[in-house]
Amino acid sequence: MSELAKALGRNIREKRKKNGFSQDAFALAAGIDRSYIGRVERGEVNITVEKLYEIASVLQCEPASLLPAHTTL
């Protein structure tokens, strides 16, 4: 997958862990399949803007804060 998807996945994983969510608990709170969250965090899928907003809502952050800086690509 692209470096962008991988960097986004790393950011989501880091924020999820900082918020004290296991992958299972996070998936349940977000209403998203756990295996899909795993694929997102590994950068194996490109998520939609709608999913980004859903994830950010559960993580209680702005969606833009999950996006990687241009320099990390």
PDB file of N, CA and C in Angstrom:
ATOM      1  N   MET A   1       0.851  -1.174   0.000  1.00  0.00           N
ATOM      2  CA  MET A   1       0.000   0.000   0.000  1.00  0.00           C
ATOM      3  C   MET A   1       0.899   1.239   0.000  1.00  0.00           C
ATOM      4  N   SER A   2       0.295   2.370  -0.147  1.00  0.00           N
ATOM      5  CA  SER A   2       1.063   3.609  -0.238  1.00  0.00           C
ATOM      6  C   SER A   2       1.648   4.012   1.111  1.00  0.00           C
ATOM      7  N   GLU A   3       2.672   4.806   1.054  1.00  0.00           N
ATOM      8  CA  GLU A   3       3.283   5.335   2.279  1.00  0.00           C
ATOM      9  C   GLU A   3       2.289   6.202   3.035  1.00  0.00           C
ATOM     10  N   LEU A   4       1.407   6.883   2.321  1.00  0.00           N
ATOM     11  CA  LEU A   4       0.377   7.707   2.977  1.00  0.00           C
ATOM     12  C   LEU A   4      -0.533   6.840   3.832  1.00  0.00           C
ATOM     13  N   ALA A   5      -1.008   5.725   3.300  1.00  0.00           N
ATOM     14  CA  ALA A   5      -1.885   4.828   4.052  1.00  0.00           C
ATOM     15  C   ALA A   5      -1.162   4.254   5.269  1.00  0.00           C
ATOM     16  N   LYS A   6       0.106   3.923   5.112  1.00  0.00           N
ATOM     17  CA  LYS A   6       0.888   3.384   6.227  1.00  0.00           C
ATOM     18  C   LYS A   6       1.080   4.431   7.316  1.00  0.00           C
ATOM     19  N   ALA A   7       1.396   5.661   6.914  1.00  0.00           N
ATOM     20  CA  ALA A   7       1.608   6.737   7.890  1.00  0.00           C
ATOM     21  C   ALA A   7       0.301   7.069   8.613  1.00  0.00           C
ATOM     22  N   LEU A   8      -0.798   7.099   7.893  1.00  0.00           N
ATOM     23  CA  LEU A   8      -2.099   7.346   8.510  1.00  0.00           C
ATOM     24  C   LEU A   8      -2.417   6.237   9.509  1.00  0.00           C
ATOM     25  N   GLY A   9      -2.175   5.009   9.129  1.00  0.00           N
ATOM     26  CA  GLY A   9      -2.415   3.881  10.018  1.00  0.00           C
ATOM     27  C   GLY A   9      -1.588   3.954  11.286  1.00  0.00           C
ATOM     28  N   ARG A  10      -0.332   4.336  11.156  1.00  0.00           N
ATOM     29  CA  ARG A  10       0.531   4.500  12.332  1.00  0.00           C
ATOM     30  C   ARG A  10      -0.015   5.577  13.262  1.00  0.00           C
ATOM     31  N   ASN A  11      -0.474   6.674  12.687  1.00  0.00           N
ATOM     32  CA  ASN A  11      -1.019   7.768  13.496  1.00  0.00           C
ATOM     33  C   ASN A  11      -2.282   7.332  14.232  1.00  0.00           C
ATOM     34  N   ILE A  12      -3.138   6.598  13.555  1.00  0.00           N
ATOM     35  CA  ILE A  12      -4.364   6.107  14.182  1.00  0.00           C
ATOM     36  C   ILE A  12      -4.021   5.146  15.313  1.00  0.00           C
ATOM     37  N   ARG A  13      -3.109   4.221  15.071  1.00  0.00           N
ATOM     38  CA  ARG A  13      -2.703   3.261  16.106  1.00  0.00           C
ATOM     39  C   ARG A  13      -2.133   3.978  17.329  1.00  0.00           C
ATOM     40  N   GLU A  14      -1.264   4.945  17.090  1.00  0.00           N
ATOM     41  CA  GLU A  14      -0.644   5.696  18.186  1.00  0.00           C
ATOM     42  C   GLU A  14      -1.712   6.418  19.020  1.00  0.00           C
ATOM     43  N   LYS A  15      -2.638   7.075  18.361  1.00  0.00           N
ATOM     44  CA  LYS A  15      -3.694   7.812  19.063  1.00  0.00           C
ATOM     45  C   LYS A  15      -4.615   6.845  19.808  1.00  0.00           C
ATOM     46  N   ARG A  16      -4.930   5.714  19.189  1.00  0.00           N
ATOM     47  CA  ARG A  16      -5.786   4.703  19.837  1.00  0.00           C
ATOM     48  C   ARG A  16      -5.135   4.223  21.123  1.00  0.00           C
ATOM     49  N   LYS A  17      -3.847   3.922  21.064  1.00  0.00           N
ATOM     50  CA  LYS A  17      -3.135   3.443  22.247  1.00  0.00           C
ATOM     51  C   LYS A  17      -3.032   4.516  23.320  1.00  0.00           C
ATOM     52  N   LYS A  18      -2.783   5.760  22.913  1.00  0.00           N
ATOM     53  CA  LYS A  18      -2.726   6.863  23.873  1.00  0.00           C
ATOM     54  C   LYS A  18      -4.058   7.024  24.604  1.00  0.00           C
ATOM     55  N   ASN A  19      -5.145   6.732  23.906  1.00  0.00           N
ATOM     56  CA  ASN A  19      -6.479   6.838  24.506  1.00  0.00           C
ATOM     57  C   ASN A  19      -6.861   5.590  25.287  1.00  0.00           C
ATOM     58  N   GLY A  20      -5.970   4.605  25.336  1.00  0.00           N
ATOM     59  CA  GLY A  20      -6.193   3.419  26.149  1.00  0.00           C
ATOM     60  C   GLY A  20      -7.132   2.384  25.562  1.00  0.00           C
ATOM     61  N   PHE A  21      -7.346   2.445  24.263  1.00  0.00           N
ATOM     62  CA  PHE A  21      -8.215   1.479  23.591  1.00  0.00           C
ATOM     63  C   PHE A  21      -7.421   0.269  23.119  1.00  0.00           C
ATOM     64  N   SER A  22      -7.930  -0.923  23.377  1.00  0.00           N
ATOM     65  CA  SER A  22      -7.429  -2.087  22.660  1.00  0.00           C
ATOM     66  C   SER A  22      -8.018  -2.004  21.259  1.00  0.00           C
ATOM     67  N   GLN A  23      -7.487  -2.776  20.353  1.00  0.00           N
ATOM     68  CA  GLN A  23      -8.042  -2.772  18.996  1.00  0.00           C
ATOM     69  C   GLN A  23      -9.494  -3.246  19.005  1.00  0.00           C
ATOM     70  N   ASP A  24      -9.790  -4.259  19.800  1.00  0.00           N
ATOM     71  CA  ASP A  24     -11.164  -4.778  19.886  1.00  0.00           C
ATOM     72  C   ASP A  24     -12.123  -3.737  20.445  1.00  0.00           C
ATOM     73  N   ALA A  25     -11.736  -3.096  21.551  1.00  0.00           N
ATOM     74  CA  ALA A  25     -12.600  -2.090  22.174  1.00  0.00           C
ATOM     75  C   ALA A  25     -12.807  -0.898  21.249  1.00  0.00           C
ATOM     76  N   PHE A  26     -11.741  -0.513  20.556  1.00  0.00           N
ATOM     77  CA  PHE A  26     -11.853   0.611  19.632  1.00  0.00           C
ATOM     78  C   PHE A  26     -12.799   0.286  18.479  1.00  0.00           C
ATOM     79  N   ALA A  27     -12.634  -0.886  17.915  1.00  0.00           N
ATOM     80  CA  ALA A  27     -13.500  -1.302  16.803  1.00  0.00           C
ATOM     81  C   ALA A  27     -14.958  -1.318  17.241  1.00  0.00           C
ATOM     82  N   LEU A  28     -15.227  -1.824  18.436  1.00  0.00           N
ATOM     83  CA  LEU A  28     -16.590  -1.865  18.950  1.00  0.00           C
ATOM     84  C   LEU A  28     -17.145  -0.450  19.125  1.00  0.00           C
ATOM     85  N   ALA A  29     -16.350   0.443  19.713  1.00  0.00           N
ATOM     86  CA  ALA A  29     -16.796   1.824  19.931  1.00  0.00           C
ATOM     87  C   ALA A  29     -17.050   2.557  18.616  1.00  0.00           C
ATOM     88  N   ALA A  30     -16.247   2.245  17.607  1.00  0.00           N
ATOM     89  CA  ALA A  30     -16.372   2.910  16.311  1.00  0.00           C
ATOM     90  C   ALA A  30     -17.408   2.256  15.414  1.00  0.00           C
ATOM     91  N   GLY A  31     -17.860   1.064  15.785  1.00  0.00           N
ATOM     92  CA  GLY A  31     -18.810   0.350  14.932  1.00  0.00           C
ATOM     93  C   GLY A  31     -18.172  -0.136  13.642  1.00  0.00           C
ATOM     94  N   ILE A  32     -16.892  -0.468  13.738  1.00  0.00           N
ATOM     95  CA  ILE A  32     -16.122  -0.913  12.576  1.00  0.00           C
ATOM     96  C   ILE A  32     -15.549  -2.296  12.899  1.00  0.00           C
ATOM     97  N   ASP A  33     -15.532  -3.179  11.939  1.00  0.00           N
ATOM     98  CA  ASP A  33     -14.998  -4.521  12.145  1.00  0.00           C
ATOM     99  C   ASP A  33     -13.547  -4.462  12.598  1.00  0.00           C
ATOM    100  N   ARG A  34     -13.184  -5.277  13.598  1.00  0.00           N
ATOM    101  CA  ARG A  34     -11.836  -5.268  14.147  1.00  0.00           C
ATOM    102  C   ARG A  34     -10.782  -5.600  13.094  1.00  0.00           C
ATOM    103  N   SER A  35     -11.079  -6.527  12.216  1.00  0.00           N
ATOM    104  CA  SER A  35     -10.096  -6.888  11.193  1.00  0.00           C
ATOM    105  C   SER A  35      -9.858  -5.718  10.235  1.00  0.00           C
ATOM    106  N   TYR A  36     -10.895  -4.920   9.994  1.00  0.00           N
ATOM    107  CA  TYR A  36     -10.742  -3.738   9.135  1.00  0.00           C
ATOM    108  C   TYR A  36      -9.843  -2.716   9.825  1.00  0.00           C
ATOM    109  N   ILE A  37     -10.059  -2.495  11.132  1.00  0.00           N
ATOM    110  CA  ILE A  37      -9.207  -1.559  11.876  1.00  0.00           C
ATOM    111  C   ILE A  37      -7.749  -2.022  11.805  1.00  0.00           C
ATOM    112  N   GLY A  38      -7.524  -3.314  11.918  1.00  0.00           N
ATOM    113  CA  GLY A  38      -6.172  -3.852  11.808  1.00  0.00           C
ATOM    114  C   GLY A  38      -5.560  -3.548  10.454  1.00  0.00           C
ATOM    115  N   ARG A  39      -6.343  -3.724   9.407  1.00  0.00           N
ATOM    116  CA  ARG A  39      -5.841  -3.433   8.052  1.00  0.00           C
ATOM    117  C   ARG A  39      -5.560  -1.938   7.883  1.00  0.00           C
ATOM    118  N   VAL A  40      -6.418  -1.097   8.465  1.00  0.00           N
ATOM    119  CA  VAL A  40      -6.190   0.354   8.406  1.00  0.00           C
ATOM    120  C   VAL A  40      -4.877   0.697   9.099  1.00  0.00           C
ATOM    121  N   GLU A  41      -4.686   0.166  10.305  1.00  0.00           N
ATOM    122  CA  GLU A  41      -3.487   0.482  11.075  1.00  0.00           C
ATOM    123  C   GLU A  41      -2.218  -0.042  10.413  1.00  0.00           C
ATOM    124  N   ARG A  42      -2.311  -1.080   9.644  1.00  0.00           N
ATOM    125  CA  ARG A  42      -1.144  -1.604   8.915  1.00  0.00           C
ATOM    126  C   ARG A  42      -0.958  -0.912   7.569  1.00  0.00           C
ATOM    127  N   GLY A  43      -1.887  -0.033   7.206  1.00  0.00           N
ATOM    128  CA  GLY A  43      -1.774   0.686   5.942  1.00  0.00           C
ATOM    129  C   GLY A  43      -2.128  -0.162   4.740  1.00  0.00           C
ATOM    130  N   GLU A  44      -2.949  -1.184   4.953  1.00  0.00           N
ATOM    131  CA  GLU A  44      -3.305  -2.093   3.863  1.00  0.00           C
ATOM    132  C   GLU A  44      -4.534  -1.644   3.074  1.00  0.00           C
ATOM    133  N   VAL A  45      -5.255  -0.666   3.589  1.00  0.00           N
ATOM    134  CA  VAL A  45      -6.441  -0.168   2.893  1.00  0.00           C
ATOM    135  C   VAL A  45      -6.433   1.358   2.918  1.00  0.00           C
ATOM    136  N   ASN A  46      -7.064   1.934   1.933  1.00  0.00           N
ATOM    137  CA  ASN A  46      -7.299   3.381   1.912  1.00  0.00           C
ATOM    138  C   ASN A  46      -8.687   3.616   2.491  1.00  0.00           C
ATOM    139  N   ILE A  47      -8.758   4.442   3.527  1.00  0.00           N
ATOM    140  CA  ILE A  47     -10.058   4.675   4.146  1.00  0.00           C
ATOM    141  C   ILE A  47     -10.747   5.867   3.502  1.00  0.00           C
ATOM    142  N   THR A  48     -12.049   5.906   3.640  1.00  0.00           N
ATOM    143  CA  THR A  48     -12.818   7.029   3.121  1.00  0.00           C
ATOM    144  C   THR A  48     -12.743   8.185   4.116  1.00  0.00           C
ATOM    145  N   VAL A  49     -13.099   9.348   3.653  1.00  0.00           N
ATOM    146  CA  VAL A  49     -13.152  10.517   4.526  1.00  0.00           C
ATOM    147  C   VAL A  49     -14.183  10.282   5.626  1.00  0.00           C
ATOM    148  N   GLU A  50     -15.281   9.638   5.284  1.00  0.00           N
ATOM    149  CA  GLU A  50     -16.310   9.338   6.269  1.00  0.00           C
ATOM    150  C   GLU A  50     -15.751   8.461   7.397  1.00  0.00           C
ATOM    151  N   LYS A  51     -14.982   7.424   7.053  1.00  0.00           N
ATOM    152  CA  LYS A  51     -14.367   6.561   8.072  1.00  0.00           C
ATOM    153  C   LYS A  51     -13.360   7.334   8.911  1.00  0.00           C
ATOM    154  N   LEU A  52     -12.609   8.223   8.280  1.00  0.00           N
ATOM    155  CA  LEU A  52     -11.649   9.044   9.013  1.00  0.00           C
ATOM    156  C   LEU A  52     -12.367   9.867  10.077  1.00  0.00           C
ATOM    157  N   TYR A  53     -13.488  10.452   9.723  1.00  0.00           N
ATOM    158  CA  TYR A  53     -14.272  11.245  10.678  1.00  0.00           C
ATOM    159  C   TYR A  53     -14.847  10.363  11.784  1.00  0.00           C
ATOM    160  N   GLU A  54     -15.289   9.170  11.461  1.00  0.00           N
ATOM    161  CA  GLU A  54     -15.819   8.253  12.474  1.00  0.00           C
ATOM    162  C   GLU A  54     -14.714   7.856  13.456  1.00  0.00           C
ATOM    163  N   ILE A  55     -13.552   7.552  12.933  1.00  0.00           N
ATOM    164  CA  ILE A  55     -12.414   7.172  13.769  1.00  0.00           C
ATOM    165  C   ILE A  55     -12.008   8.348  14.661  1.00  0.00           C
ATOM    166  N   ALA A  56     -11.907   9.528  14.082  1.00  0.00           N
ATOM    167  CA  ALA A  56     -11.527  10.717  14.852  1.00  0.00           C
ATOM    168  C   ALA A  56     -12.542  11.019  15.945  1.00  0.00           C
ATOM    169  N   SER A  57     -13.803  10.793  15.667  1.00  0.00           N
ATOM    170  CA  SER A  57     -14.843  11.040  16.662  1.00  0.00           C
ATOM    171  C   SER A  57     -14.633  10.165  17.894  1.00  0.00           C
ATOM    172  N   VAL A  58     -14.373   8.890  17.682  1.00  0.00           N
ATOM    173  CA  VAL A  58     -14.138   7.974  18.796  1.00  0.00           C
ATOM    174  C   VAL A  58     -12.850   8.337  19.536  1.00  0.00           C
ATOM    175  N   LEU A  59     -11.850   8.790  18.794  1.00  0.00           N
ATOM    176  CA  LEU A  59     -10.579   9.173  19.399  1.00  0.00           C
ATOM    177  C   LEU A  59     -10.617  10.585  19.996  1.00  0.00           C
ATOM    178  N   GLN A  60     -11.732  11.269  19.804  1.00  0.00           N
ATOM    179  CA  GLN A  60     -11.948  12.623  20.318  1.00  0.00           C
ATOM    180  C   GLN A  60     -10.843  13.575  19.864  1.00  0.00           C
ATOM    181  N   CYS A  61     -10.646  13.587  18.545  1.00  0.00           N
ATOM    182  CA  CYS A  61      -9.658  14.492  17.966  1.00  0.00           C
ATOM    183  C   CYS A  61     -10.180  14.979  16.618  1.00  0.00           C
ATOM    184  N   GLU A  62      -9.505  15.950  16.080  1.00  0.00           N
ATOM    185  CA  GLU A  62      -9.834  16.437  14.750  1.00  0.00           C
ATOM    186  C   GLU A  62      -9.298  15.457  13.712  1.00  0.00           C
ATOM    187  N   PRO A  63     -10.084  15.171  12.681  1.00  0.00           N
ATOM    188  CA  PRO A  63      -9.605  14.253  11.639  1.00  0.00           C
ATOM    189  C   PRO A  63      -8.252  14.664  11.056  1.00  0.00           C
ATOM    190  N   ALA A  64      -8.045  15.945  10.883  1.00  0.00           N
ATOM    191  CA  ALA A  64      -6.789  16.421  10.298  1.00  0.00           C
ATOM    192  C   ALA A  64      -5.587  16.065  11.160  1.00  0.00           C
ATOM    193  N   SER A  65      -5.790  15.924  12.474  1.00  0.00           N
ATOM    194  CA  SER A  65      -4.664  15.600  13.349  1.00  0.00           C
ATOM    195  C   SER A  65      -4.161  14.171  13.127  1.00  0.00           C
ATOM    196  N   LEU A  66      -4.951  13.343  12.481  1.00  0.00           N
ATOM    197  CA  LEU A  66      -4.543  11.971  12.188  1.00  0.00           C
ATOM    198  C   LEU A  66      -3.769  11.870  10.872  1.00  0.00           C
ATOM    199  N   LEU A  67      -3.891  12.884  10.039  1.00  0.00           N
ATOM    200  CA  LEU A  67      -3.215  12.872   8.750  1.00  0.00           C
ATOM    201  C   LEU A  67      -1.720  13.108   8.932  1.00  0.00           C
ATOM    202  N   PRO A  68      -0.897  12.384   8.208  1.00  0.00           N
ATOM    203  CA  PRO A  68       0.547  12.575   8.333  1.00  0.00           C
ATOM    204  C   PRO A  68       0.986  13.891   7.676  1.00  0.00           C
ATOM    205  N   ALA A  69       2.053  14.437   8.212  1.00  0.00           N
ATOM    206  CA  ALA A  69       2.647  15.619   7.597  1.00  0.00           C
ATOM    207  C   ALA A  69       3.189  15.237   6.229  1.00  0.00           C
ATOM    208  N   HIS A  70       3.186  16.160   5.328  1.00  0.00           N
ATOM    209  CA  HIS A  70       3.663  15.915   3.961  1.00  0.00           C
ATOM    210  C   HIS A  70       5.094  15.397   3.960  1.00  0.00           C
ATOM    211  N   THR A  71       5.893  15.840   4.896  1.00  0.00           N
ATOM    212  CA  THR A  71       7.311  15.460   4.908  1.00  0.00           C
ATOM    213  C   THR A  71       7.528  13.998   5.264  1.00  0.00           C
ATOM    214  N   THR A  72       6.487  13.305   5.839  1.00  0.00           N
ATOM    215  CA  THR A  72       6.670  11.905   6.198  1.00  0.00           C
ATOM    216  C   THR A  72       6.351  10.962   5.043  1.00  0.00           C
ATOM    217  N   LEU A  73       5.941  11.488   3.922  1.00  0.00           N
ATOM    218  CA  LEU A  73       5.530  10.624   2.811  1.00  0.00           C
ATOM    219  C   LEU A  73       6.703  10.184   1.981  1.00  0.00           C
TER     220      LEU A  73
END
